[in-house]
C-alpha cells in the first residue's frame, strides 16, 4: 500500500469519527434541552409542570407578564389562582 492511500484512508476515518462525535454531542445537548428555543419571547408558555396522578397535571403558566396555577385532566382544565410574579421569578433563575 502506498503512503498516499494510507493517508487518505486515515483522513477519511478521522472525518467520519469527528462527524459521529459531533452527532453524539448534539444528541446529548438536545436531550438535555440546550438546543431548545426558550419561551422568553412567547406570549404564552408553560413554566413548570408536575403530574399529580397519571391523568391530572398541575402547571404554572405564564401569559404575558402574569403567572397562573392551572390544573388539567383529560376532560377538564381549571385556573386555580394567579401567582405573584415575585414568587415565580426567583424559582426560574
C-alpha atoms as a PDB file:
ATOM      1  CA  UNK A   1       0.000   0.000   0.000  1.00  0.00           C
ATOM      2  CA  UNK A   2       1.305   3.420  -0.835  1.00  0.00           C
ATOM      3  CA  UNK A   3       1.604   6.191   1.715  1.00  0.00           C
ATOM      4  CA  UNK A   4      -0.931   8.266  -0.212  1.00  0.00           C
ATOM      5  CA  UNK A   5      -3.641   5.588   0.117  1.00  0.00           C
ATOM      6  CA  UNK A   6      -2.951   5.129   3.828  1.00  0.00           C
ATOM      7  CA  UNK A   7      -3.055   8.888   4.409  1.00  0.00           C
ATOM      8  CA  UNK A   8      -6.339   9.233   2.502  1.00  0.00           C
ATOM      9  CA  UNK A   9      -7.808   6.330   4.475  1.00  0.00           C
ATOM     10  CA  UNK A  10      -6.785   7.859   7.818  1.00  0.00           C
ATOM     11  CA  UNK A  11      -8.153  11.281   6.861  1.00  0.00           C
ATOM     12  CA  UNK A  12     -11.476   9.719   5.833  1.00  0.00           C
ATOM     13  CA  UNK A  13     -11.630   7.651   9.004  1.00  0.00           C
ATOM     14  CA  UNK A  14     -10.868  10.733  11.105  1.00  0.00           C
ATOM     15  CA  UNK A  15     -13.573  12.737   9.320  1.00  0.00           C
ATOM     16  CA  UNK A  16     -16.172  10.041   9.955  1.00  0.00           C
ATOM     17  CA  UNK A  17     -15.074   9.844  13.599  1.00  0.00           C
ATOM     18  CA  UNK A  18     -15.418  13.615  14.036  1.00  0.00           C
ATOM     19  CA  UNK A  19     -18.858  13.570  12.409  1.00  0.00           C
ATOM     20  CA  UNK A  20     -20.009  10.788  14.739  1.00  0.00           C
ATOM     21  CA  UNK A  21     -18.642  12.655  17.764  1.00  0.00           C
ATOM     22  CA  UNK A  22     -20.456  15.830  16.654  1.00  0.00           C
ATOM     23  CA  UNK A  23     -23.753  13.966  16.208  1.00  0.00           C
ATOM     24  CA  UNK A  24     -23.317  12.352  19.623  1.00  0.00           C
ATOM     25  CA  UNK A  25     -22.686  15.742  21.265  1.00  0.00           C
ATOM     26  CA  UNK A  26     -25.709  17.257  19.514  1.00  0.00           C
ATOM     27  CA  UNK A  27     -27.944  14.387  20.609  1.00  0.00           C
ATOM     28  CA  UNK A  28     -26.844  14.781  24.220  1.00  0.00           C
ATOM     29  CA  UNK A  29     -27.377  18.545  24.034  1.00  0.00           C
ATOM     30  CA  UNK A  30     -30.835  18.125  22.528  1.00  0.00           C
ATOM     31  CA  UNK A  31     -31.803  15.614  25.199  1.00  0.00           C
ATOM     32  CA  UNK A  32     -30.672  17.953  27.984  1.00  0.00           C
ATOM     33  CA  UNK A  33     -32.560  20.898  26.475  1.00  0.00           C
ATOM     34  CA  UNK A  34     -29.607  23.062  25.472  1.00  0.00           C
ATOM     35  CA  UNK A  35     -30.775  23.455  21.879  1.00  0.00           C
ATOM     36  CA  UNK A  36     -34.443  24.101  22.564  1.00  0.00           C
ATOM     37  CA  UNK A  37     -35.904  27.511  21.880  1.00  0.00           C
ATOM     38  CA  UNK A  38     -36.525  29.486  25.044  1.00  0.00           C
ATOM     39  CA  UNK A  39     -40.002  30.825  25.618  1.00  0.00           C
ATOM     40  CA  UNK A  40     -38.990  34.320  26.770  1.00  0.00           C
ATOM     41  CA  UNK A  41     -40.347  35.943  23.590  1.00  0.00           C
ATOM     42  CA  UNK A  42     -43.543  33.929  23.508  1.00  0.00           C
ATOM     43  CA  UNK A  43     -46.762  35.351  24.935  1.00  0.00           C
ATOM     44  CA  UNK A  44     -47.921  32.052  26.478  1.00  0.00           C
ATOM     45  CA  UNK A  45     -45.554  29.477  27.997  1.00  0.00           C
ATOM     46  CA  UNK A  46     -45.699  26.572  30.428  1.00  0.00           C
ATOM     47  CA  UNK A  47     -43.114  27.419  33.088  1.00  0.00           C
ATOM     48  CA  UNK A  48     -43.339  24.226  35.155  1.00  0.00           C
ATOM     49  CA  UNK A  49     -45.401  21.072  35.009  1.00  0.00           C
ATOM     50  CA  UNK A  50     -45.963  18.266  37.511  1.00  0.00           C
ATOM     51  CA  UNK A  51     -48.118  15.158  37.228  1.00  0.00           C
ATOM     52  CA  UNK A  52     -50.295  14.726  40.304  1.00  0.00           C
ATOM     53  CA  UNK A  53     -51.785  11.443  39.081  1.00  0.00           C
ATOM     54  CA  UNK A  54     -51.481   9.666  35.725  1.00  0.00           C
ATOM     55  CA  UNK A  55     -54.475  11.691  34.495  1.00  0.00           C
ATOM     56  CA  UNK A  56     -54.078  15.037  36.317  1.00  0.00           C
ATOM     57  CA  UNK A  57     -51.373  17.632  35.785  1.00  0.00           C
ATOM     58  CA  UNK A  58     -50.579  20.851  37.660  1.00  0.00           C
ATOM     59  CA  UNK A  59     -48.899  23.582  35.614  1.00  0.00           C
ATOM     60  CA  UNK A  60     -47.540  27.058  36.163  1.00  0.00           C
ATOM     61  CA  UNK A  61     -48.439  29.022  33.030  1.00  0.00           C
ATOM     62  CA  UNK A  62     -47.100  32.441  32.035  1.00  0.00           C
ATOM     63  CA  UNK A  63     -49.436  34.607  29.961  1.00  0.00           C
ATOM     64  CA  UNK A  64     -47.761  37.895  29.167  1.00  0.00           C
ATOM     65  CA  UNK A  65     -46.316  39.022  32.489  1.00  0.00           C
ATOM     66  CA  UNK A  66     -48.800  37.153  34.694  1.00  0.00           C
ATOM     67  CA  UNK A  67     -48.491  33.662  36.129  1.00  0.00           C
ATOM     68  CA  UNK A  68     -51.314  31.209  36.810  1.00  0.00           C
ATOM     69  CA  UNK A  69     -51.581  27.838  38.529  1.00  0.00           C
ATOM     70  CA  UNK A  70     -53.604  25.590  36.225  1.00  0.00           C
ATOM     71  CA  UNK A  71     -54.870  22.057  36.795  1.00  0.00           C
ATOM     72  CA  UNK A  72     -55.817  19.883  33.868  1.00  0.00           C
ATOM     73  CA  UNK A  73     -57.146  16.429  33.162  1.00  0.00           C
ATOM     74  CA  UNK A  74     -58.374  14.658  30.052  1.00  0.00           C
ATOM     75  CA  UNK A  75     -61.781  16.360  30.201  1.00  0.00           C
ATOM     76  CA  UNK A  76     -61.290  19.495  32.294  1.00  0.00           C
ATOM     77  CA  UNK A  77     -58.973  22.480  32.750  1.00  0.00           C
ATOM     78  CA  UNK A  78     -59.247  24.837  35.728  1.00  0.00           C
ATOM     79  CA  UNK A  79     -57.376  28.008  36.633  1.00  0.00           C
ATOM     80  CA  UNK A  80     -56.643  27.609  40.335  1.00  0.00           C
ATOM     81  CA  UNK A  81     -55.206  31.043  41.086  1.00  0.00           C
ATOM     82  CA  UNK A  82     -52.991  33.845  39.842  1.00  0.00           C
ATOM     83  CA  UNK A  83     -49.477  33.725  41.266  1.00  0.00           C
ATOM     84  CA  UNK A  84     -47.411  36.810  42.116  1.00  0.00           C
ATOM     85  CA  UNK A  85     -44.520  37.183  39.681  1.00  0.00           C
ATOM     86  CA  UNK A  86     -42.204  37.761  42.653  1.00  0.00           C
ATOM     87  CA  UNK A  87     -42.916  34.204  43.819  1.00  0.00           C
ATOM     88  CA  UNK A  88     -42.327  32.614  40.409  1.00  0.00           C
ATOM     89  CA  UNK A  89     -39.363  34.589  39.013  1.00  0.00           C
ATOM     90  CA  UNK A  90     -36.781  33.622  41.713  1.00  0.00           C
ATOM     91  CA  UNK A  91     -37.608  29.935  41.202  1.00  0.00           C
ATOM     92  CA  UNK A  92     -36.944  30.248  37.459  1.00  0.00           C
ATOM     93  CA  UNK A  93     -33.414  31.621  37.927  1.00  0.00           C
END
